[in-house]
Amino acid sequence: MKRLLVIAAHPDDESFLFGGALAVHALAGGATALLCLTDGQAGRTGGLCTQDELGFVRRRELEAAAEVLGVGELITPGLMDGALAGMDAAEGHEYVRAAIASFGPDVLLTFGPEGASGHDDHKTCWRWTRAVAGETPVFAATFPQALWGRVRGGEPLPANTVIDVSRAGDAKVRAFSCHKTQQDHLDLHNMMTAGFAGREYYARVSPPWPADAAPATSF
């Protein structure tokens, strides 16, 4: 079993895009880890806490969601939400490099260059991961073409790896329900869940996917 490391920016990113892969891999006995670079301090409170309390609350929500998804190792450096793009790139690279060195992944999963929603933090995850991945294969989360019109920040990468995550049942839904401060995103989450129809879509970007190869069904 390959060791999967997800590099995400905010609590709840893991449930939207990577939760199925994390859950089915854990169910099969594989090792998984999640590097969540920020605590989501600049997000919405859902009326459940003050803005000053939000980072603490969202980290607890992330811990609960990670448990639902079977994440074996959760790495939370607590960088500032919304500020990743303005950080010194070399400093940012070190956070990703340290997670890779600590966990020893066979596969890295992160955002694509458009950042799924155009969020600068998401796009920074892509840049930092690509910069330090070395020989470790990188898979960027992407979308079925039917959802491309809902994606902001640029055109998603075409999928070349489609993972059946139906074996995880409703794990992604249960994980997102742990993010109680973020439930105003529930309609978006439900739309994506329906559009993905029990699958997750990824583009292997390194090593490059052969142009004439059929899509894979595993990492």
N, C-alpha and C. Protein backbone atom coordinates (compact mmCIF):
# COMPACT_ATOMS: atom_id res chain seq x y z
N MET A 1 0.84 -1.19 0.00
CA MET A 1 0.00 0.00 0.00
C MET A 1 0.87 1.24 0.00
N LYS A 2 0.56 2.18 -0.87
CA LYS A 2 1.30 3.44 -0.93
C LYS A 2 0.91 4.34 0.24
N ARG A 3 1.84 5.20 0.60
CA ARG A 3 1.63 6.14 1.68
C ARG A 3 1.21 7.48 1.08
N LEU A 4 0.02 7.97 1.45
CA LEU A 4 -0.56 9.18 0.87
C LEU A 4 -0.39 10.37 1.81
N LEU A 5 0.13 11.46 1.29
CA LEU A 5 0.20 12.72 2.02
C LEU A 5 -0.57 13.78 1.26
N VAL A 6 -1.56 14.37 1.91
CA VAL A 6 -2.35 15.47 1.35
C VAL A 6 -1.77 16.79 1.87
N ILE A 7 -1.56 17.74 0.95
CA ILE A 7 -1.13 19.09 1.33
C ILE A 7 -2.30 20.03 1.05
N ALA A 8 -2.91 20.55 2.10
CA ALA A 8 -4.08 21.42 1.99
C ALA A 8 -3.81 22.73 2.71
N ALA A 9 -4.70 23.68 2.52
CA ALA A 9 -4.51 25.01 3.09
C ALA A 9 -5.35 25.26 4.33
N HIS A 10 -6.60 24.77 4.32
CA HIS A 10 -7.55 25.13 5.39
C HIS A 10 -8.29 23.90 5.90
N PRO A 11 -8.69 23.92 7.16
CA PRO A 11 -9.64 22.92 7.63
C PRO A 11 -10.90 22.96 6.76
N ASP A 12 -11.33 21.84 6.31
CA ASP A 12 -12.46 21.49 5.42
C ASP A 12 -12.00 21.24 3.98
N ASP A 13 -10.80 21.72 3.58
CA ASP A 13 -10.29 21.37 2.25
C ASP A 13 -10.24 19.86 2.08
N GLU A 14 -9.83 19.17 3.14
CA GLU A 14 -9.66 17.72 3.06
C GLU A 14 -10.98 17.03 2.77
N SER A 15 -12.09 17.57 3.28
CA SER A 15 -13.38 16.94 3.08
C SER A 15 -13.94 17.22 1.70
N PHE A 16 -13.71 18.41 1.18
CA PHE A 16 -14.22 18.77 -0.14
C PHE A 16 -13.57 17.95 -1.25
N LEU A 17 -12.25 17.84 -1.25
CA LEU A 17 -11.55 17.34 -2.43
C LEU A 17 -10.80 16.03 -2.23
N PHE A 18 -10.29 15.76 -1.04
CA PHE A 18 -9.39 14.63 -0.85
C PHE A 18 -9.94 13.57 0.09
N GLY A 19 -11.09 13.82 0.69
CA GLY A 19 -11.58 12.95 1.75
C GLY A 19 -11.84 11.53 1.32
N GLY A 20 -12.32 11.35 0.10
CA GLY A 20 -12.60 10.00 -0.38
C GLY A 20 -11.35 9.17 -0.51
N ALA A 21 -10.31 9.77 -1.10
CA ALA A 21 -9.05 9.05 -1.25
C ALA A 21 -8.45 8.71 0.10
N LEU A 22 -8.49 9.66 1.03
CA LEU A 22 -7.98 9.39 2.37
C LEU A 22 -8.75 8.24 3.03
N ALA A 23 -10.06 8.28 2.93
CA ALA A 23 -10.89 7.30 3.63
C ALA A 23 -10.74 5.90 3.05
N VAL A 24 -10.80 5.77 1.72
CA VAL A 24 -10.71 4.42 1.15
C VAL A 24 -9.32 3.84 1.35
N HIS A 25 -8.30 4.70 1.32
CA HIS A 25 -6.96 4.21 1.53
C HIS A 25 -6.80 3.72 2.97
N ALA A 26 -7.33 4.47 3.92
CA ALA A 26 -7.26 4.05 5.33
C ALA A 26 -8.04 2.76 5.55
N LEU A 27 -9.21 2.65 4.92
CA LEU A 27 -10.01 1.43 5.07
C LEU A 27 -9.28 0.20 4.56
N ALA A 28 -8.45 0.40 3.54
CA ALA A 28 -7.69 -0.71 2.96
C ALA A 28 -6.42 -1.01 3.75
N GLY A 29 -6.17 -0.26 4.80
CA GLY A 29 -5.00 -0.50 5.63
C GLY A 29 -3.79 0.32 5.26
N GLY A 30 -3.97 1.32 4.38
CA GLY A 30 -2.86 2.15 3.96
C GLY A 30 -2.60 3.29 4.93
N ALA A 31 -1.40 3.83 4.87
CA ALA A 31 -1.00 4.94 5.74
C ALA A 31 -1.33 6.27 5.07
N THR A 32 -1.91 7.19 5.84
CA THR A 32 -2.28 8.50 5.30
C THR A 32 -1.85 9.59 6.27
N ALA A 33 -1.56 10.75 5.70
CA ALA A 33 -1.23 11.93 6.51
C ALA A 33 -1.81 13.16 5.83
N LEU A 34 -2.07 14.18 6.62
CA LEU A 34 -2.62 15.44 6.13
C LEU A 34 -1.81 16.59 6.69
N LEU A 35 -1.23 17.39 5.82
CA LEU A 35 -0.61 18.66 6.19
C LEU A 35 -1.61 19.76 5.88
N CYS A 36 -2.15 20.39 6.91
CA CYS A 36 -3.07 21.51 6.74
C CYS A 36 -2.34 22.76 7.20
N LEU A 37 -1.97 23.61 6.27
CA LEU A 37 -1.01 24.68 6.55
C LEU A 37 -1.54 25.77 7.47
N THR A 38 -2.82 26.08 7.41
CA THR A 38 -3.39 27.12 8.28
C THR A 38 -4.48 26.54 9.16
N ASP A 39 -4.92 27.32 10.13
CA ASP A 39 -6.04 26.93 10.98
C ASP A 39 -7.35 27.57 10.52
N GLY A 40 -7.34 28.20 9.35
CA GLY A 40 -8.57 28.80 8.86
C GLY A 40 -9.01 30.01 9.66
N GLN A 41 -8.04 30.75 10.23
CA GLN A 41 -8.36 31.83 11.16
C GLN A 41 -9.13 32.97 10.52
N ALA A 42 -9.03 33.14 9.19
CA ALA A 42 -9.69 34.25 8.52
C ALA A 42 -11.04 33.87 7.92
N GLY A 43 -11.51 32.66 8.20
CA GLY A 43 -12.76 32.18 7.63
C GLY A 43 -13.99 32.68 8.37
N ARG A 44 -15.09 31.99 8.13
CA ARG A 44 -16.36 32.34 8.74
C ARG A 44 -16.53 31.60 10.06
N THR A 45 -17.20 32.24 10.98
CA THR A 45 -17.37 31.66 12.31
C THR A 45 -18.67 30.85 12.43
N GLY A 46 -19.59 31.06 11.51
CA GLY A 46 -20.88 30.40 11.64
C GLY A 46 -21.65 30.83 12.88
N GLY A 47 -21.23 31.94 13.48
CA GLY A 47 -21.89 32.41 14.70
C GLY A 47 -21.59 31.56 15.92
N LEU A 48 -20.59 30.68 15.84
CA LEU A 48 -20.32 29.74 16.92
C LEU A 48 -19.18 30.17 17.83
N CYS A 49 -18.43 31.19 17.42
CA CYS A 49 -17.30 31.64 18.23
C CYS A 49 -16.93 33.04 17.75
N THR A 50 -16.00 33.66 18.44
CA THR A 50 -15.49 34.95 17.98
C THR A 50 -14.44 34.71 16.89
N GLN A 51 -14.10 35.77 16.17
CA GLN A 51 -13.06 35.64 15.15
C GLN A 51 -11.73 35.26 15.79
N ASP A 52 -11.46 35.80 16.98
CA ASP A 52 -10.20 35.48 17.66
C ASP A 52 -10.14 34.01 18.08
N GLU A 53 -11.28 33.41 18.34
CA GLU A 53 -11.33 32.00 18.75
C GLU A 53 -11.34 31.04 17.57
N LEU A 54 -11.53 31.56 16.36
CA LEU A 54 -11.84 30.70 15.22
C LEU A 54 -10.72 29.71 14.90
N GLY A 55 -9.47 30.13 14.96
CA GLY A 55 -8.39 29.22 14.63
C GLY A 55 -8.38 28.01 15.54
N PHE A 56 -8.55 28.23 16.83
CA PHE A 56 -8.60 27.13 17.79
C PHE A 56 -9.78 26.21 17.49
N VAL A 57 -10.94 26.80 17.25
CA VAL A 57 -12.15 26.01 17.00
C VAL A 57 -12.00 25.19 15.72
N ARG A 58 -11.49 25.81 14.68
CA ARG A 58 -11.38 25.09 13.41
C ARG A 58 -10.33 23.98 13.47
N ARG A 59 -9.30 24.17 14.27
CA ARG A 59 -8.34 23.07 14.41
C ARG A 59 -9.00 21.88 15.09
N ARG A 60 -9.85 22.12 16.09
CA ARG A 60 -10.56 21.01 16.73
C ARG A 60 -11.52 20.34 15.73
N GLU A 61 -12.16 21.15 14.89
CA GLU A 61 -13.03 20.58 13.87
C GLU A 61 -12.23 19.70 12.90
N LEU A 62 -11.06 20.18 12.52
CA LEU A 62 -10.20 19.41 11.62
C LEU A 62 -9.79 18.09 12.25
N GLU A 63 -9.45 18.10 13.51
CA GLU A 63 -9.07 16.86 14.19
C GLU A 63 -10.20 15.85 14.15
N ALA A 64 -11.44 16.33 14.35
CA ALA A 64 -12.59 15.43 14.31
C ALA A 64 -12.81 14.87 12.91
N ALA A 65 -12.69 15.74 11.90
CA ALA A 65 -12.87 15.29 10.52
C ALA A 65 -11.78 14.30 10.12
N ALA A 66 -10.55 14.56 10.53
CA ALA A 66 -9.44 13.65 10.21
C ALA A 66 -9.68 12.28 10.81
N GLU A 67 -10.26 12.24 12.01
CA GLU A 67 -10.56 10.95 12.63
C GLU A 67 -11.60 10.20 11.81
N VAL A 68 -12.63 10.90 11.33
CA VAL A 68 -13.64 10.26 10.49
C VAL A 68 -13.01 9.66 9.24
N LEU A 69 -12.05 10.37 8.65
CA LEU A 69 -11.43 9.93 7.39
C LEU A 69 -10.29 8.93 7.62
N GLY A 70 -9.98 8.63 8.86
CA GLY A 70 -8.93 7.67 9.14
C GLY A 70 -7.53 8.19 8.92
N VAL A 71 -7.36 9.52 8.99
CA VAL A 71 -6.03 10.10 8.79
C VAL A 71 -5.12 9.67 9.93
N GLY A 72 -3.98 9.08 9.57
CA GLY A 72 -3.09 8.57 10.59
C GLY A 72 -2.21 9.62 11.21
N GLU A 73 -1.86 10.65 10.46
CA GLU A 73 -0.97 11.70 10.98
C GLU A 73 -1.47 13.05 10.50
N LEU A 74 -1.72 13.95 11.43
CA LEU A 74 -2.21 15.29 11.12
C LEU A 74 -1.14 16.29 11.50
N ILE A 75 -0.73 17.11 10.52
CA ILE A 75 0.34 18.08 10.72
C ILE A 75 -0.25 19.47 10.55
N THR A 76 -0.19 20.30 11.59
CA THR A 76 -0.87 21.60 11.58
C THR A 76 0.09 22.68 12.07
N PRO A 77 0.87 23.29 11.17
CA PRO A 77 1.82 24.32 11.59
C PRO A 77 1.18 25.63 12.00
N GLY A 78 -0.11 25.85 11.69
CA GLY A 78 -0.81 27.04 12.16
C GLY A 78 -0.40 28.32 11.47
N LEU A 79 -0.03 28.25 10.20
CA LEU A 79 0.27 29.46 9.45
C LEU A 79 -0.99 30.31 9.29
N MET A 80 -0.81 31.59 8.93
CA MET A 80 -1.95 32.49 8.88
C MET A 80 -2.78 32.29 7.63
N ASP A 81 -4.05 32.08 7.83
CA ASP A 81 -5.02 31.94 6.75
C ASP A 81 -5.02 33.20 5.88
N GLY A 82 -4.94 33.01 4.58
CA GLY A 82 -4.97 34.12 3.64
C GLY A 82 -3.63 34.77 3.39
N ALA A 83 -2.58 34.28 4.06
CA ALA A 83 -1.27 34.94 3.98
C ALA A 83 -0.20 34.07 3.33
N LEU A 84 -0.54 32.88 2.86
CA LEU A 84 0.49 31.98 2.35
C LEU A 84 1.20 32.55 1.13
N ALA A 85 0.43 33.18 0.23
CA ALA A 85 1.04 33.70 -0.99
C ALA A 85 2.04 34.80 -0.72
N GLY A 86 1.89 35.49 0.42
CA GLY A 86 2.79 36.58 0.75
C GLY A 86 4.00 36.15 1.55
N MET A 87 4.06 34.86 1.92
CA MET A 87 5.21 34.38 2.68
C MET A 87 6.42 34.22 1.78
N ASP A 88 7.59 34.25 2.38
CA ASP A 88 8.80 33.91 1.65
C ASP A 88 8.68 32.47 1.17
N ALA A 89 8.86 32.26 -0.12
CA ALA A 89 8.64 30.94 -0.70
C ALA A 89 9.56 29.89 -0.08
N ALA A 90 10.80 30.27 0.18
CA ALA A 90 11.74 29.31 0.76
C ALA A 90 11.26 28.84 2.13
N GLU A 91 10.67 29.74 2.92
CA GLU A 91 10.13 29.35 4.22
C GLU A 91 8.96 28.41 4.05
N GLY A 92 8.08 28.75 3.11
CA GLY A 92 6.93 27.88 2.85
C GLY A 92 7.35 26.50 2.39
N HIS A 93 8.36 26.45 1.52
CA HIS A 93 8.84 25.16 1.03
C HIS A 93 9.27 24.26 2.19
N GLU A 94 9.84 24.86 3.22
CA GLU A 94 10.36 24.06 4.33
C GLU A 94 9.24 23.34 5.09
N TYR A 95 8.07 23.96 5.19
CA TYR A 95 6.96 23.29 5.86
C TYR A 95 6.54 22.03 5.10
N VAL A 96 6.47 22.13 3.79
CA VAL A 96 6.10 20.97 2.98
C VAL A 96 7.22 19.94 2.99
N ARG A 97 8.45 20.41 2.86
CA ARG A 97 9.58 19.50 2.84
C ARG A 97 9.68 18.73 4.16
N ALA A 98 9.43 19.41 5.27
CA ALA A 98 9.50 18.75 6.57
C ALA A 98 8.43 17.67 6.71
N ALA A 99 7.24 17.95 6.21
CA ALA A 99 6.17 16.95 6.27
C ALA A 99 6.52 15.73 5.42
N ILE A 100 7.09 15.98 4.26
CA ILE A 100 7.50 14.87 3.40
C ILE A 100 8.58 14.04 4.08
N ALA A 101 9.56 14.71 4.68
CA ALA A 101 10.65 14.00 5.35
C ALA A 101 10.14 13.21 6.55
N SER A 102 9.18 13.77 7.28
CA SER A 102 8.65 13.11 8.47
C SER A 102 7.81 11.89 8.13
N PHE A 103 6.94 12.00 7.13
CA PHE A 103 5.98 10.94 6.82
C PHE A 103 6.50 9.94 5.79
N GLY A 104 7.32 10.40 4.88
CA GLY A 104 7.86 9.51 3.85
C GLY A 104 6.81 9.02 2.87
N PRO A 105 6.07 9.92 2.23
CA PRO A 105 4.99 9.49 1.34
C PRO A 105 5.49 8.90 0.03
N ASP A 106 4.66 8.04 -0.56
CA ASP A 106 4.87 7.56 -1.92
C ASP A 106 4.10 8.41 -2.93
N VAL A 107 3.08 9.14 -2.44
CA VAL A 107 2.21 9.94 -3.30
C VAL A 107 1.85 11.23 -2.57
N LEU A 108 1.89 12.35 -3.31
CA LEU A 108 1.46 13.64 -2.78
C LEU A 108 0.18 14.07 -3.49
N LEU A 109 -0.81 14.50 -2.73
CA LEU A 109 -2.06 15.02 -3.27
C LEU A 109 -2.20 16.47 -2.84
N THR A 110 -2.52 17.34 -3.79
CA THR A 110 -2.73 18.74 -3.45
C THR A 110 -3.66 19.38 -4.47
N PHE A 111 -3.81 20.68 -4.41
CA PHE A 111 -4.65 21.42 -5.36
C PHE A 111 -3.97 21.49 -6.72
N GLY A 112 -4.77 21.76 -7.74
CA GLY A 112 -4.23 22.10 -9.04
C GLY A 112 -3.84 23.56 -9.10
N PRO A 113 -3.26 24.00 -10.21
CA PRO A 113 -2.76 25.38 -10.31
C PRO A 113 -3.85 26.43 -10.20
N GLU A 114 -5.10 26.08 -10.52
CA GLU A 114 -6.20 27.05 -10.41
C GLU A 114 -6.72 27.16 -8.98
N GLY A 115 -6.31 26.23 -8.11
CA GLY A 115 -6.69 26.30 -6.71
C GLY A 115 -8.13 25.94 -6.42
N ALA A 116 -8.83 25.29 -7.36
CA ALA A 116 -10.21 24.83 -7.19
C ALA A 116 -11.21 25.98 -7.11
N SER A 117 -10.91 26.99 -6.32
CA SER A 117 -11.81 28.13 -6.16
C SER A 117 -11.11 29.45 -6.49
N GLY A 118 -9.86 29.35 -6.94
CA GLY A 118 -9.08 30.56 -7.19
C GLY A 118 -8.43 31.13 -5.94
N HIS A 119 -8.58 30.47 -4.79
CA HIS A 119 -8.04 30.98 -3.53
C HIS A 119 -6.51 30.97 -3.60
N ASP A 120 -5.90 32.09 -3.22
CA ASP A 120 -4.44 32.19 -3.29
C ASP A 120 -3.74 31.15 -2.39
N ASP A 121 -4.34 30.84 -1.25
CA ASP A 121 -3.74 29.83 -0.39
C ASP A 121 -3.71 28.47 -1.08
N HIS A 122 -4.78 28.14 -1.79
CA HIS A 122 -4.84 26.86 -2.51
C HIS A 122 -3.78 26.82 -3.60
N LYS A 123 -3.67 27.90 -4.33
CA LYS A 123 -2.67 27.94 -5.41
C LYS A 123 -1.25 27.89 -4.86
N THR A 124 -1.06 28.44 -3.66
CA THR A 124 0.25 28.37 -3.03
C THR A 124 0.59 26.94 -2.64
N CYS A 125 -0.39 26.16 -2.19
CA CYS A 125 -0.16 24.73 -1.91
C CYS A 125 0.40 24.05 -3.15
N TRP A 126 -0.18 24.34 -4.29
CA TRP A 126 0.30 23.77 -5.55
C TRP A 126 1.75 24.14 -5.81
N ARG A 127 2.08 25.42 -5.68
CA ARG A 127 3.43 25.87 -6.00
C ARG A 127 4.46 25.27 -5.03
N TRP A 128 4.15 25.30 -3.75
CA TRP A 128 5.10 24.78 -2.77
C TRP A 128 5.30 23.28 -2.94
N THR A 129 4.23 22.57 -3.18
CA THR A 129 4.35 21.11 -3.35
C THR A 129 5.17 20.77 -4.58
N ARG A 130 4.90 21.44 -5.68
CA ARG A 130 5.63 21.17 -6.91
C ARG A 130 7.11 21.51 -6.75
N ALA A 131 7.40 22.53 -5.93
CA ALA A 131 8.79 22.97 -5.78
C ALA A 131 9.64 21.97 -5.02
N VAL A 132 9.03 21.20 -4.09
CA VAL A 132 9.85 20.36 -3.21
C VAL A 132 9.57 18.87 -3.36
N ALA A 133 8.68 18.49 -4.27
CA ALA A 133 8.26 17.09 -4.37
C ALA A 133 9.40 16.16 -4.74
N GLY A 134 10.37 16.65 -5.50
CA GLY A 134 11.45 15.78 -5.95
C GLY A 134 10.93 14.66 -6.81
N GLU A 135 11.29 13.43 -6.47
CA GLU A 135 10.86 12.26 -7.25
C GLU A 135 9.51 11.71 -6.82
N THR A 136 8.91 12.28 -5.77
CA THR A 136 7.62 11.77 -5.30
C THR A 136 6.51 12.20 -6.26
N PRO A 137 5.71 11.27 -6.76
CA PRO A 137 4.63 11.63 -7.68
C PRO A 137 3.65 12.61 -7.06
N VAL A 138 3.24 13.60 -7.85
CA VAL A 138 2.28 14.61 -7.42
C VAL A 138 0.99 14.46 -8.21
N PHE A 139 -0.12 14.38 -7.50
CA PHE A 139 -1.44 14.31 -8.11
C PHE A 139 -2.22 15.55 -7.67
N ALA A 140 -2.75 16.29 -8.65
CA ALA A 140 -3.53 17.49 -8.37
C ALA A 140 -5.01 17.16 -8.41
N ALA A 141 -5.74 17.58 -7.39
CA ALA A 141 -7.19 17.39 -7.39
C ALA A 141 -7.81 18.19 -8.53
N THR A 142 -8.73 17.55 -9.24
CA THR A 142 -9.42 18.23 -10.32
C THR A 142 -10.88 17.80 -10.33
N PHE A 143 -11.60 18.03 -11.42
CA PHE A 143 -13.05 17.90 -11.43
C PHE A 143 -13.52 17.19 -12.70
N PRO A 144 -14.66 16.51 -12.62
CA PRO A 144 -15.29 16.03 -13.86
C PRO A 144 -15.68 17.23 -14.73
N GLN A 145 -15.65 17.05 -16.03
CA GLN A 145 -15.88 18.18 -16.93
C GLN A 145 -17.23 18.84 -16.71
N ALA A 146 -18.20 18.09 -16.22
CA ALA A 146 -19.53 18.67 -15.97
C ALA A 146 -19.49 19.77 -14.92
N LEU A 147 -18.45 19.79 -14.10
CA LEU A 147 -18.34 20.80 -13.05
C LEU A 147 -17.34 21.90 -13.38
N TRP A 148 -16.69 21.82 -14.53
CA TRP A 148 -15.66 22.80 -14.83
C TRP A 148 -16.19 24.23 -14.82
N GLY A 149 -17.44 24.42 -15.20
CA GLY A 149 -18.01 25.76 -15.22
C GLY A 149 -18.18 26.37 -13.84
N ARG A 150 -18.10 25.54 -12.79
CA ARG A 150 -18.23 26.04 -11.43
C ARG A 150 -16.89 26.37 -10.79
N VAL A 151 -15.81 26.09 -11.51
CA VAL A 151 -14.47 26.26 -10.95
C VAL A 151 -13.96 27.66 -11.26
N ARG A 152 -13.47 28.36 -10.24
CA ARG A 152 -12.89 29.68 -10.41
C ARG A 152 -11.38 29.60 -10.36
N GLY A 153 -10.71 30.56 -10.96
CA GLY A 153 -9.26 30.62 -10.88
C GLY A 153 -8.54 30.10 -12.11
N GLY A 154 -9.29 29.58 -13.07
CA GLY A 154 -8.68 29.04 -14.28
C GLY A 154 -9.25 27.69 -14.61
N GLU A 155 -8.93 27.18 -15.77
CA GLU A 155 -9.44 25.88 -16.20
C GLU A 155 -8.74 24.77 -15.45
N PRO A 156 -9.48 23.81 -14.90
CA PRO A 156 -8.85 22.70 -14.18
C PRO A 156 -8.01 21.83 -15.12
N LEU A 157 -7.10 21.10 -14.54
CA LEU A 157 -6.34 20.13 -15.31
C LEU A 157 -7.23 18.94 -15.68
N PRO A 158 -7.08 18.38 -16.87
CA PRO A 158 -7.85 17.18 -17.23
C PRO A 158 -7.49 16.01 -16.32
N ALA A 159 -8.49 15.27 -15.91
CA ALA A 159 -8.26 14.13 -15.02
C ALA A 159 -7.61 12.98 -15.79
N ASN A 160 -6.61 12.37 -15.20
CA ASN A 160 -6.06 11.14 -15.76
C ASN A 160 -6.06 10.00 -14.74
N THR A 161 -6.60 10.29 -13.55
CA THR A 161 -6.72 9.28 -12.50
C THR A 161 -8.07 9.49 -11.82
N VAL A 162 -8.92 8.48 -11.89
CA VAL A 162 -10.27 8.57 -11.32
C VAL A 162 -10.41 7.47 -10.27
N ILE A 163 -10.59 7.88 -9.02
CA ILE A 163 -10.61 6.95 -7.90
C ILE A 163 -12.05 6.69 -7.47
N ASP A 164 -12.43 5.42 -7.40
CA ASP A 164 -13.74 5.04 -6.86
C ASP A 164 -13.67 5.15 -5.34
N VAL A 165 -14.40 6.11 -4.79
CA VAL A 165 -14.37 6.30 -3.34
C VAL A 165 -15.69 5.88 -2.70
N SER A 166 -16.54 5.18 -3.46
CA SER A 166 -17.84 4.77 -2.94
C SER A 166 -17.70 3.81 -1.76
N ARG A 167 -16.57 3.11 -1.69
CA ARG A 167 -16.36 2.18 -0.58
C ARG A 167 -16.31 2.89 0.76
N ALA A 168 -16.01 4.17 0.73
CA ALA A 168 -15.97 4.95 1.98
C ALA A 168 -17.34 5.39 2.44
N GLY A 169 -18.37 5.06 1.67
CA GLY A 169 -19.72 5.42 2.05
C GLY A 169 -19.88 6.93 2.18
N ASP A 170 -20.43 7.35 3.29
CA ASP A 170 -20.70 8.78 3.50
C ASP A 170 -19.60 9.44 4.32
N ALA A 171 -18.40 8.89 4.29
CA ALA A 171 -17.32 9.43 5.13
C ALA A 171 -17.06 10.90 4.85
N LYS A 172 -17.09 11.29 3.56
CA LYS A 172 -16.82 12.69 3.24
C LYS A 172 -17.91 13.60 3.82
N VAL A 173 -19.15 13.16 3.75
CA VAL A 173 -20.25 13.94 4.30
C VAL A 173 -20.10 14.05 5.81
N ARG A 174 -19.77 12.95 6.46
CA ARG A 174 -19.61 12.97 7.92
C ARG A 174 -18.41 13.82 8.32
N ALA A 175 -17.35 13.77 7.53
CA ALA A 175 -16.18 14.60 7.84
C ALA A 175 -16.52 16.08 7.72
N PHE A 176 -17.23 16.45 6.64
CA PHE A 176 -17.58 17.86 6.49
C PHE A 176 -18.52 18.32 7.60
N SER A 177 -19.37 17.42 8.09
CA SER A 177 -20.29 17.81 9.17
C SER A 177 -19.54 18.15 10.45
N CYS A 178 -18.29 17.71 10.57
CA CYS A 178 -17.48 18.08 11.74
C CYS A 178 -17.10 19.56 11.71
N HIS A 179 -17.08 20.15 10.53
CA HIS A 179 -16.71 21.56 10.38
C HIS A 179 -17.95 22.43 10.61
N LYS A 180 -18.36 22.50 11.86
CA LYS A 180 -19.64 23.15 12.18
C LYS A 180 -19.62 24.64 11.86
N THR A 181 -18.46 25.28 11.95
CA THR A 181 -18.39 26.71 11.63
C THR A 181 -18.55 26.97 10.14
N GLN A 182 -18.41 25.94 9.32
CA GLN A 182 -18.39 26.12 7.87
C GLN A 182 -19.64 25.59 7.18
N GLN A 183 -20.71 25.38 7.92
CA GLN A 183 -21.89 24.76 7.33
C GLN A 183 -22.63 25.66 6.35
N ASP A 184 -22.25 26.95 6.27
CA ASP A 184 -22.86 27.76 5.22
C ASP A 184 -22.31 27.38 3.84
N HIS A 185 -21.29 26.50 3.81
CA HIS A 185 -20.80 25.94 2.55
C HIS A 185 -21.46 24.60 2.22
N LEU A 186 -22.49 24.23 2.97
CA LEU A 186 -23.09 22.90 2.81
C LEU A 186 -23.66 22.69 1.41
N ASP A 187 -24.32 23.71 0.84
CA ASP A 187 -24.89 23.55 -0.49
C ASP A 187 -23.79 23.26 -1.51
N LEU A 188 -22.66 23.95 -1.40
CA LEU A 188 -21.53 23.70 -2.30
C LEU A 188 -20.99 22.29 -2.11
N HIS A 189 -20.86 21.89 -0.86
CA HIS A 189 -20.37 20.54 -0.58
C HIS A 189 -21.29 19.49 -1.16
N ASN A 190 -22.60 19.67 -0.98
CA ASN A 190 -23.57 18.71 -1.51
C ASN A 190 -23.55 18.68 -3.03
N MET A 191 -23.40 19.86 -3.66
CA MET A 191 -23.33 19.91 -5.12
C MET A 191 -22.11 19.13 -5.63
N MET A 192 -20.97 19.32 -4.97
CA MET A 192 -19.76 18.62 -5.38
C MET A 192 -19.89 17.11 -5.13
N THR A 193 -20.48 16.75 -4.01
CA THR A 193 -20.67 15.33 -3.71
C THR A 193 -21.52 14.66 -4.78
N ALA A 194 -22.61 15.33 -5.16
CA ALA A 194 -23.46 14.78 -6.21
C ALA A 194 -22.74 14.73 -7.55
N GLY A 195 -22.00 15.79 -7.88
CA GLY A 195 -21.30 15.85 -9.17
C GLY A 195 -20.18 14.84 -9.29
N PHE A 196 -19.55 14.52 -8.16
CA PHE A 196 -18.46 13.55 -8.19
C PHE A 196 -18.99 12.11 -8.24
N ALA A 197 -20.21 11.88 -7.79
CA ALA A 197 -20.89 10.59 -7.94
C ALA A 197 -20.03 9.41 -7.49
N GLY A 198 -19.50 9.51 -6.27
CA GLY A 198 -18.75 8.40 -5.72
C GLY A 198 -17.34 8.25 -6.25
N ARG A 199 -16.83 9.29 -6.88
CA ARG A 199 -15.47 9.26 -7.41
C ARG A 199 -14.72 10.52 -6.98
N GLU A 200 -13.41 10.47 -7.08
CA GLU A 200 -12.57 11.66 -7.00
C GLU A 200 -11.67 11.68 -8.22
N TYR A 201 -11.37 12.90 -8.66
CA TYR A 201 -10.66 13.11 -9.92
C TYR A 201 -9.32 13.79 -9.65
N TYR A 202 -8.28 13.23 -10.24
CA TYR A 202 -6.93 13.75 -10.05
C TYR A 202 -6.19 13.79 -11.38
N ALA A 203 -5.24 14.69 -11.45
CA ALA A 203 -4.32 14.77 -12.59
C ALA A 203 -2.92 14.49 -12.08
N ARG A 204 -2.30 13.40 -12.54
CA ARG A 204 -0.91 13.19 -12.17
C ARG A 204 -0.07 14.15 -13.00
N VAL A 205 0.65 15.01 -12.30
CA VAL A 205 1.43 16.04 -13.00
C VAL A 205 2.92 15.76 -12.97
N SER A 206 3.36 14.94 -12.04
CA SER A 206 4.75 14.48 -12.08
C SER A 206 4.82 13.09 -11.47
N PRO A 207 5.45 12.15 -12.19
CA PRO A 207 5.95 12.32 -13.56
C PRO A 207 4.79 12.56 -14.52
N PRO A 208 5.04 13.22 -15.65
CA PRO A 208 3.96 13.56 -16.57
C PRO A 208 3.19 12.32 -17.03
N TRP A 209 1.88 12.50 -17.18
CA TRP A 209 1.03 11.40 -17.64
C TRP A 209 1.20 11.23 -19.15
N PRO A 210 1.42 10.00 -19.62
CA PRO A 210 1.56 9.79 -21.08
C PRO A 210 0.32 10.24 -21.83
N ALA A 211 0.51 10.96 -22.91
CA ALA A 211 -0.61 11.55 -23.65
C ALA A 211 -1.58 10.50 -24.16
N ASP A 212 -1.10 9.31 -24.49
CA ASP A 212 -1.97 8.29 -25.08
C ASP A 212 -2.43 7.24 -24.08
N ALA A 213 -2.17 7.45 -22.79
CA ALA A 213 -2.53 6.47 -21.78
C ALA A 213 -3.97 6.64 -21.31
N ALA A 214 -4.64 5.53 -21.05
CA ALA A 214 -5.99 5.58 -20.50
C ALA A 214 -5.93 6.03 -19.04
N PRO A 215 -7.02 6.59 -18.53
CA PRO A 215 -7.03 7.01 -17.12
C PRO A 215 -6.79 5.84 -16.19
N ALA A 216 -6.08 6.10 -15.11
CA ALA A 216 -5.85 5.09 -14.08
C ALA A 216 -6.98 5.11 -13.07
N THR A 217 -7.09 4.05 -12.30
CA THR A 217 -8.12 3.95 -11.25
C THR A 217 -7.49 3.87 -9.86
N SER A 218 -6.19 4.07 -9.77
CA SER A 218 -5.51 4.11 -8.48
C SER A 218 -4.26 4.96 -8.61
N PHE A 219 -3.68 5.33 -7.48
CA PHE A 219 -2.47 6.11 -7.48
C PHE A 219 -1.24 5.22 -7.74
